[in-house]
Amino acid sequence: MNLPPEEFVRIEAEALRSFVLACLQASGLMQAHAEQLADLLVNSDLRGVRSHGTRMLGGYTQSISQGHVNPEPDIKVLAETDTSVHIDGDGSLGYAPTMLATEMCIEKAKAKGTAVGAIQGIGHYGSAGHYVRRAMEEGLIGFSVQSASPQYYASNEGNRAAAYGNPPLCFGLPSETEPPVVLDVATCILTDQQRGEQIEALEEIIPAAFFKSMGYTAVGTALGGAFVGQASTRAHTVAELYPGARLGGMVWLLDAGLFVPAAMFRGAVDDMVRLAREQLIPLRGYSEATLPGAIEHRLEEAYRDQGIKMARQDQERLTEVGQGLGVTAHW
């Protein structure tokens, strides 16, 4: 999914952002949230994370216009300490309340060394990397995860253990001069598109990989779901009102200089990234060995300069979304 498309057109980031913003506004999303979401979706495209970029626009606008999520939520801080904040998203898409928690935790982590934000009653918050990379801009180490409570199996036909859940999570380690390490993934070893006999045969060949993904899913589900309040009566009430908002989210930030000088830590990350690139033998079929985040860092630089590579079918899909909302695509 996230490989650069073979057949593509190039679209300037600002033109794409303007189109996405207009579509979100036309669907009924409040202005500030529409502007923020347009930025984040285009940022995903800039990094080559097509799966969580503007191709999500159609689903989001449909959820908003059909009332599956709250387009004008009353986002509230339920509880707050020097090192924590608990937020109720009131049935909104997950982006705005999770970014609010992130911004609040950035200030707390800078002051106290660490901070955790919990968000309940929200819909999809996209790539977990949005919130971690925002914290990394401030020199912080970040982690984020989103899930439900209990885990549900909407995309797992037959409830197969090998496809047990798939909560998104991200770890981010800031660097000095090398690309930062950004592990922006989901917990299942398989993607939703990877199904069939050949893939399922892997269960017998490498069962340990599936056991690990089940464990990661369980931890992610507990931290991104029950821990943040998704088992509460309030969360269940929100989910009944807004069926597209049955998720929670967590953000945990650490000051990179909590135990050693921050520059020392960032320099060590630089060394790790550089040595992996220079000394590791690449996986079979690949020309280079890079740590997570390096390729996305490279693509973002290229796409900002040359325009985003967009698959023609994705461009056509966006055009259709715009037509349905009365928004013209000008690319």
Protein backbone atom coordinates (compact mmCIF):
# COMPACT_ATOMS: atom_id res chain seq x y z
CA MET A 1 0.00 0.00 0.00
CA ASN A 2 2.65 2.54 0.97
CA LEU A 3 5.08 1.83 -1.84
CA PRO A 4 5.40 4.81 -4.22
CA PRO A 5 2.85 4.30 -7.02
CA GLU A 6 4.17 3.18 -10.41
CA GLU A 7 1.57 5.17 -12.34
CA PHE A 8 1.12 8.59 -10.82
CA VAL A 9 0.54 12.28 -11.20
CA ARG A 10 2.30 14.92 -9.12
CA ILE A 11 0.19 17.27 -7.04
CA GLU A 12 1.51 20.26 -5.12
CA ALA A 13 0.94 19.92 -1.39
CA GLU A 14 -0.81 23.27 -0.99
CA ALA A 15 -3.25 22.59 -3.87
CA LEU A 16 -4.09 19.23 -2.31
CA ARG A 17 -4.52 20.78 1.12
CA SER A 18 -6.92 23.44 -0.20
CA PHE A 19 -9.04 20.79 -1.89
CA VAL A 20 -9.17 18.56 1.21
CA LEU A 21 -10.07 21.53 3.41
CA ALA A 22 -12.93 22.51 1.12
CA CYS A 23 -14.29 18.95 1.14
CA LEU A 24 -14.14 18.69 4.93
CA GLN A 25 -15.91 22.03 5.31
CA ALA A 26 -18.57 21.00 2.81
CA SER A 27 -19.20 17.80 4.78
CA GLY A 28 -19.95 19.85 7.91
CA LEU A 29 -16.74 19.62 9.94
CA MET A 30 -16.04 22.71 12.05
CA GLN A 31 -13.49 25.12 10.60
CA ALA A 32 -10.58 24.68 13.00
CA HIS A 33 -10.79 20.89 12.89
CA ALA A 34 -11.08 20.91 9.10
CA GLU A 35 -7.93 23.00 8.76
CA GLN A 36 -5.99 20.79 11.15
CA LEU A 37 -7.15 17.55 9.50
CA ALA A 38 -6.32 18.82 6.01
CA ASP A 39 -2.78 19.57 7.17
CA LEU A 40 -2.33 16.15 8.76
CA LEU A 41 -3.71 14.15 5.83
CA VAL A 42 -1.46 15.97 3.37
CA ASN A 43 1.50 15.50 5.72
CA SER A 44 0.92 11.75 5.52
CA ASP A 45 0.96 11.93 1.73
CA LEU A 46 4.17 13.96 1.84
CA ARG A 47 5.83 11.16 3.81
CA GLY A 48 4.57 8.50 1.43
CA VAL A 49 2.18 7.08 4.04
CA ARG A 50 -0.59 6.78 1.47
CA SER A 51 -2.66 4.41 3.62
CA HIS A 52 -3.37 7.20 6.13
CA GLY A 53 -3.26 10.23 3.88
CA THR A 54 -5.83 11.89 1.66
CA ARG A 55 -7.20 8.54 0.47
CA MET A 56 -9.04 8.55 3.84
CA LEU A 57 -10.97 11.68 2.84
CA GLY A 58 -13.99 9.90 1.36
CA GLY A 59 -14.56 7.79 4.44
CA TYR A 60 -14.18 10.74 6.77
CA THR A 61 -16.53 13.04 4.88
CA GLN A 62 -19.12 10.28 4.72
CA SER A 63 -18.86 9.62 8.46
CA ILE A 64 -19.21 13.34 9.17
CA SER A 65 -22.15 13.98 6.85
CA GLN A 66 -24.00 10.86 8.02
CA GLY A 67 -23.55 11.71 11.69
CA HIS A 68 -21.38 8.72 12.55
CA VAL A 69 -18.97 11.14 14.24
CA ASN A 70 -19.65 14.49 15.87
CA PRO A 71 -18.73 17.38 13.52
CA GLU A 72 -18.97 20.01 16.29
CA PRO A 73 -17.83 18.26 19.47
CA ASP A 74 -17.60 19.74 22.94
CA ILE A 75 -14.10 18.50 23.78
CA LYS A 76 -13.47 18.63 27.51
CA VAL A 77 -10.59 18.09 29.91
CA LEU A 78 -11.88 15.58 32.44
CA ALA A 79 -8.86 15.59 34.72
CA GLU A 80 -5.39 17.13 34.74
CA THR A 81 -2.19 16.98 36.79
CA ASP A 82 1.34 18.28 36.27
CA THR A 83 2.16 15.14 34.27
CA SER A 84 -1.17 13.96 32.84
CA VAL A 85 -4.34 15.02 31.09
CA HIS A 86 -7.55 13.08 30.41
CA ILE A 87 -9.74 14.33 27.56
CA ASP A 88 -13.25 13.46 26.39
CA GLY A 89 -13.59 13.76 22.61
CA ASP A 90 -17.41 13.85 22.58
CA GLY A 91 -17.68 11.57 19.55
CA SER A 92 -15.37 13.53 17.26
CA LEU A 93 -12.80 12.17 14.86
CA GLY A 94 -9.70 11.44 16.89
CA TYR A 95 -7.38 14.02 15.36
CA ALA A 96 -8.33 17.23 17.20
CA PRO A 97 -8.66 15.85 20.76
CA THR A 98 -5.51 13.75 20.43
CA MET A 99 -3.51 16.70 19.12
CA LEU A 100 -4.87 18.78 22.00
CA ALA A 101 -3.63 16.16 24.44
CA THR A 102 -0.29 16.11 22.64
CA GLU A 103 0.17 19.87 22.86
CA MET A 104 -0.70 19.86 26.55
CA CYS A 105 1.67 16.97 27.22
CA ILE A 106 4.50 18.69 25.36
CA GLU A 107 4.47 21.52 27.87
CA LYS A 108 4.14 19.14 30.81
CA ALA A 109 6.98 16.88 29.62
CA LYS A 110 9.25 19.87 29.13
CA ALA A 111 8.54 21.00 32.67
CA LYS A 112 8.41 17.65 34.48
CA GLY A 113 10.33 15.25 32.24
CA THR A 114 7.38 13.07 31.25
CA ALA A 115 3.65 13.34 30.57
CA VAL A 116 0.82 11.09 29.45
CA GLY A 117 -2.38 12.05 27.69
CA ALA A 118 -5.52 9.90 27.56
CA ILE A 119 -8.38 10.50 25.14
CA GLN A 120 -11.74 8.72 25.23
CA GLY A 121 -14.81 8.77 23.04
CA ILE A 122 -13.21 9.42 19.66
CA GLY A 123 -13.17 8.08 16.13
CA HIS A 124 -10.17 7.16 14.00
CA TYR A 125 -7.12 9.33 14.73
CA GLY A 126 -5.20 8.31 11.63
CA SER A 127 -1.52 7.60 11.76
CA ALA A 128 -0.18 7.42 15.31
CA GLY A 129 2.88 9.18 13.93
CA HIS A 130 1.06 12.52 13.71
CA TYR A 131 1.23 13.02 17.45
CA VAL A 132 4.64 11.50 18.02
CA ARG A 133 6.26 13.59 15.29
CA ARG A 134 4.69 16.74 16.71
CA ALA A 135 6.35 15.96 20.04
CA MET A 136 9.63 15.20 18.30
CA GLU A 137 9.60 18.71 16.84
CA GLU A 138 10.08 19.81 20.45
CA GLY A 139 12.93 17.36 21.04
CA LEU A 140 10.79 14.85 22.94
CA ILE A 141 10.63 11.06 22.74
CA GLY A 142 7.10 9.97 21.95
CA PHE A 143 4.73 7.01 21.94
CA SER A 144 1.09 6.83 20.88
CA VAL A 145 -1.50 4.10 20.44
CA GLN A 146 -5.22 3.89 19.66
CA SER A 147 -7.71 1.10 20.29
CA ALA A 148 -11.10 0.06 21.61
CA SER A 149 -12.18 -1.79 24.73
CA PRO A 150 -12.67 -4.65 24.37
CA GLN A 151 -11.01 -5.46 21.06
CA TYR A 152 -13.48 -5.88 18.21
CA TYR A 153 -13.15 -7.94 15.05
CA ALA A 154 -14.83 -5.90 12.33
CA SER A 155 -12.08 -6.75 9.81
CA ASN A 156 -11.24 -10.25 11.09
CA GLU A 157 -13.59 -12.73 9.46
CA GLY A 158 -13.77 -15.87 11.54
CA ASN A 159 -11.89 -14.27 14.47
CA ARG A 160 -8.61 -15.91 13.47
CA ALA A 161 -5.89 -15.52 16.09
CA ALA A 162 -3.36 -14.73 13.37
CA ALA A 163 -5.32 -11.59 12.51
CA TYR A 164 -6.09 -10.58 16.09
CA GLY A 165 -6.68 -6.82 16.05
CA ASN A 166 -4.43 -4.20 14.53
CA PRO A 167 -4.19 -1.08 16.71
CA PRO A 168 -1.94 1.66 15.30
CA LEU A 169 1.05 2.70 17.37
CA CYS A 170 4.17 4.79 16.96
CA PHE A 171 7.49 5.26 18.74
CA GLY A 172 9.62 8.29 17.87
CA LEU A 173 13.24 9.02 18.76
CA PRO A 174 14.58 12.50 17.92
CA SER A 175 17.98 12.79 16.27
CA GLU A 176 20.52 15.54 15.61
CA THR A 177 21.56 15.37 11.95
CA GLU A 178 20.39 11.94 10.73
CA PRO A 179 16.73 11.15 10.02
CA PRO A 180 14.89 10.52 13.30
CA VAL A 181 13.67 7.03 14.11
CA VAL A 182 9.90 6.86 13.61
CA LEU A 183 8.34 3.41 14.01
CA ASP A 184 4.83 4.19 12.76
CA VAL A 185 3.09 0.83 12.39
CA ALA A 186 0.21 -1.38 13.46
CA THR A 187 0.55 -4.46 15.61
CA CYS A 188 -0.59 -7.29 13.32
CA ILE A 189 2.10 -8.98 11.22
CA LEU A 190 -0.34 -8.95 8.29
CA THR A 191 -2.07 -6.01 6.67
CA ASP A 192 -5.79 -6.14 5.90
CA GLN A 193 -4.89 -6.74 2.24
CA GLN A 194 -2.66 -9.74 2.99
CA ARG A 195 -4.98 -12.71 3.02
CA GLY A 196 -5.07 -16.06 1.24
CA GLU A 197 -3.54 -19.52 1.43
CA GLN A 198 0.08 -18.48 0.86
CA ILE A 199 -0.06 -15.87 3.59
CA GLU A 200 -1.93 -18.13 5.98
CA ALA A 201 0.74 -20.80 5.49
CA LEU A 202 3.11 -18.49 7.34
CA GLU A 203 1.30 -19.41 10.55
CA GLU A 204 3.03 -22.78 10.49
CA ILE A 205 6.35 -21.47 9.17
CA ILE A 206 6.88 -18.59 11.60
CA PRO A 207 4.34 -18.95 14.43
CA ALA A 208 6.53 -16.87 16.78
CA ALA A 209 5.88 -13.77 14.64
CA PHE A 210 2.12 -14.21 15.07
CA PHE A 211 2.44 -14.77 18.81
CA LYS A 212 4.39 -11.52 19.04
CA SER A 213 1.79 -9.59 17.05
CA MET A 214 -0.97 -10.98 19.30
CA GLY A 215 0.97 -9.77 22.33
CA TYR A 216 1.55 -6.33 20.83
CA THR A 217 -2.17 -6.13 20.01
CA ALA A 218 -3.17 -7.05 23.56
CA VAL A 219 -0.88 -4.39 25.06
CA GLY A 220 -1.96 -1.77 22.52
CA THR A 221 -5.62 -2.58 23.07
CA ALA A 222 -5.34 -2.24 26.84
CA LEU A 223 -3.33 1.01 26.76
CA GLY A 224 -5.26 2.66 23.92
CA GLY A 225 -8.64 1.40 25.12
CA ALA A 226 -9.43 0.48 28.72
CA PHE A 227 -6.57 2.54 30.21
CA VAL A 228 -7.86 5.77 28.67
CA GLY A 229 -11.52 5.23 29.57
CA GLN A 230 -13.11 3.22 26.78
CA ALA A 231 -14.60 0.77 29.26
CA SER A 232 -16.49 3.60 30.99
CA THR A 233 -20.20 4.31 30.86
CA ARG A 234 -19.51 7.68 29.25
CA ALA A 235 -17.53 6.08 26.41
CA HIS A 236 -20.31 3.56 25.79
CA THR A 237 -22.85 6.39 25.66
CA VAL A 238 -20.76 8.30 23.13
CA ALA A 239 -20.41 5.18 20.97
CA GLU A 240 -24.20 4.75 20.95
CA LEU A 241 -24.69 8.34 19.81
CA TYR A 242 -21.82 8.27 17.34
CA PRO A 243 -21.05 4.73 16.11
CA GLY A 244 -17.91 5.95 14.38
CA ALA A 245 -16.43 7.03 17.72
CA ARG A 246 -15.82 3.82 19.64
CA LEU A 247 -12.09 4.33 20.17
CA GLY A 248 -9.67 5.84 22.64
CA GLY A 249 -6.08 7.01 22.33
CA MET A 250 -2.97 7.57 24.39
CA VAL A 251 0.08 9.80 24.03
CA TRP A 252 3.14 9.36 26.26
CA LEU A 253 6.04 11.79 26.00
CA LEU A 254 9.52 11.80 27.56
CA ASP A 255 12.15 14.53 27.74
CA ALA A 256 15.15 13.19 25.81
CA GLY A 257 17.34 14.89 28.40
CA LEU A 258 15.66 13.33 31.43
CA PHE A 259 18.71 11.23 32.42
CA VAL A 260 21.53 12.42 30.15
CA PRO A 261 22.09 15.61 28.13
CA ALA A 262 19.55 15.67 25.31
CA ALA A 263 22.29 16.28 22.73
CA MET A 264 24.02 13.09 23.92
CA PHE A 265 20.87 11.08 23.33
CA ARG A 266 20.20 12.61 19.91
CA GLY A 267 23.82 11.98 18.93
CA ALA A 268 23.48 8.33 19.93
CA VAL A 269 20.37 8.06 17.73
CA ASP A 270 22.41 9.58 14.89
CA ASP A 271 25.09 6.92 15.38
CA MET A 272 22.50 4.16 15.42
CA VAL A 273 20.88 5.36 12.20
CA ARG A 274 24.21 5.91 10.42
CA LEU A 275 25.73 2.58 11.43
CA ALA A 276 22.63 0.69 10.35
CA ARG A 277 22.84 2.36 6.94
CA GLU A 278 26.58 1.83 6.54
CA GLN A 279 27.16 -1.58 8.11
CA LEU A 280 24.00 -3.69 7.93
CA ILE A 281 23.55 -6.12 5.04
CA PRO A 282 20.18 -5.26 3.46
CA LEU A 283 17.31 -7.73 3.45
CA ARG A 284 17.17 -9.93 0.38
CA GLY A 285 15.63 -8.06 -2.51
CA TYR A 286 16.45 -4.63 -1.08
CA SER A 287 19.30 -2.30 -1.99
CA GLU A 288 19.77 -0.60 1.37
CA ALA A 289 19.28 -1.05 5.10
CA THR A 290 17.55 1.83 6.86
CA LEU A 291 15.89 2.24 10.23
CA PRO A 292 12.18 3.16 10.40
CA GLY A 293 11.49 6.72 9.35
CA ALA A 294 14.47 7.22 7.05
CA ILE A 295 12.61 6.54 3.81
CA GLU A 296 9.65 8.71 4.86
CA HIS A 297 12.09 11.50 5.74
CA ARG A 298 13.63 11.25 2.28
CA LEU A 299 10.25 11.21 0.52
CA GLU A 300 9.02 14.25 2.41
CA GLU A 301 11.97 16.30 1.26
CA ALA A 302 11.49 15.19 -2.36
CA TYR A 303 7.70 15.59 -2.41
CA ARG A 304 7.79 19.08 -0.92
CA ASP A 305 10.13 20.12 -3.71
CA GLN A 306 8.71 18.17 -6.65
CA GLY A 307 5.10 17.54 -5.72
CA ILE A 308 3.43 14.49 -4.18
CA LYS A 309 3.32 11.31 -6.22
CA MET A 310 -0.33 10.29 -6.26
CA ALA A 311 -1.65 7.11 -7.85
CA ARG A 312 -4.03 7.91 -10.68
CA GLN A 313 -6.81 5.86 -9.10
CA ASP A 314 -6.40 7.79 -5.85
CA GLN A 315 -6.61 11.07 -7.77
CA GLU A 316 -9.78 9.88 -9.50
CA ARG A 317 -11.27 8.81 -6.18
CA LEU A 318 -10.57 12.23 -4.65
CA THR A 319 -12.11 13.95 -7.65
CA GLU A 320 -15.27 11.88 -7.17
CA VAL A 321 -15.39 12.77 -3.47
CA GLY A 322 -15.16 16.44 -4.40
CA GLN A 323 -17.90 16.15 -7.00
CA GLY A 324 -20.21 14.57 -4.44
CA LEU A 325 -19.63 17.53 -2.13
CA GLY A 326 -19.73 20.22 -4.80
CA VAL A 327 -15.99 20.88 -4.61
CA THR A 328 -13.95 21.17 -7.80
CA ALA A 329 -10.45 19.71 -7.98
CA HIS A 330 -8.11 22.22 -9.66
CA TRP A 331 -5.01 20.12 -10.15
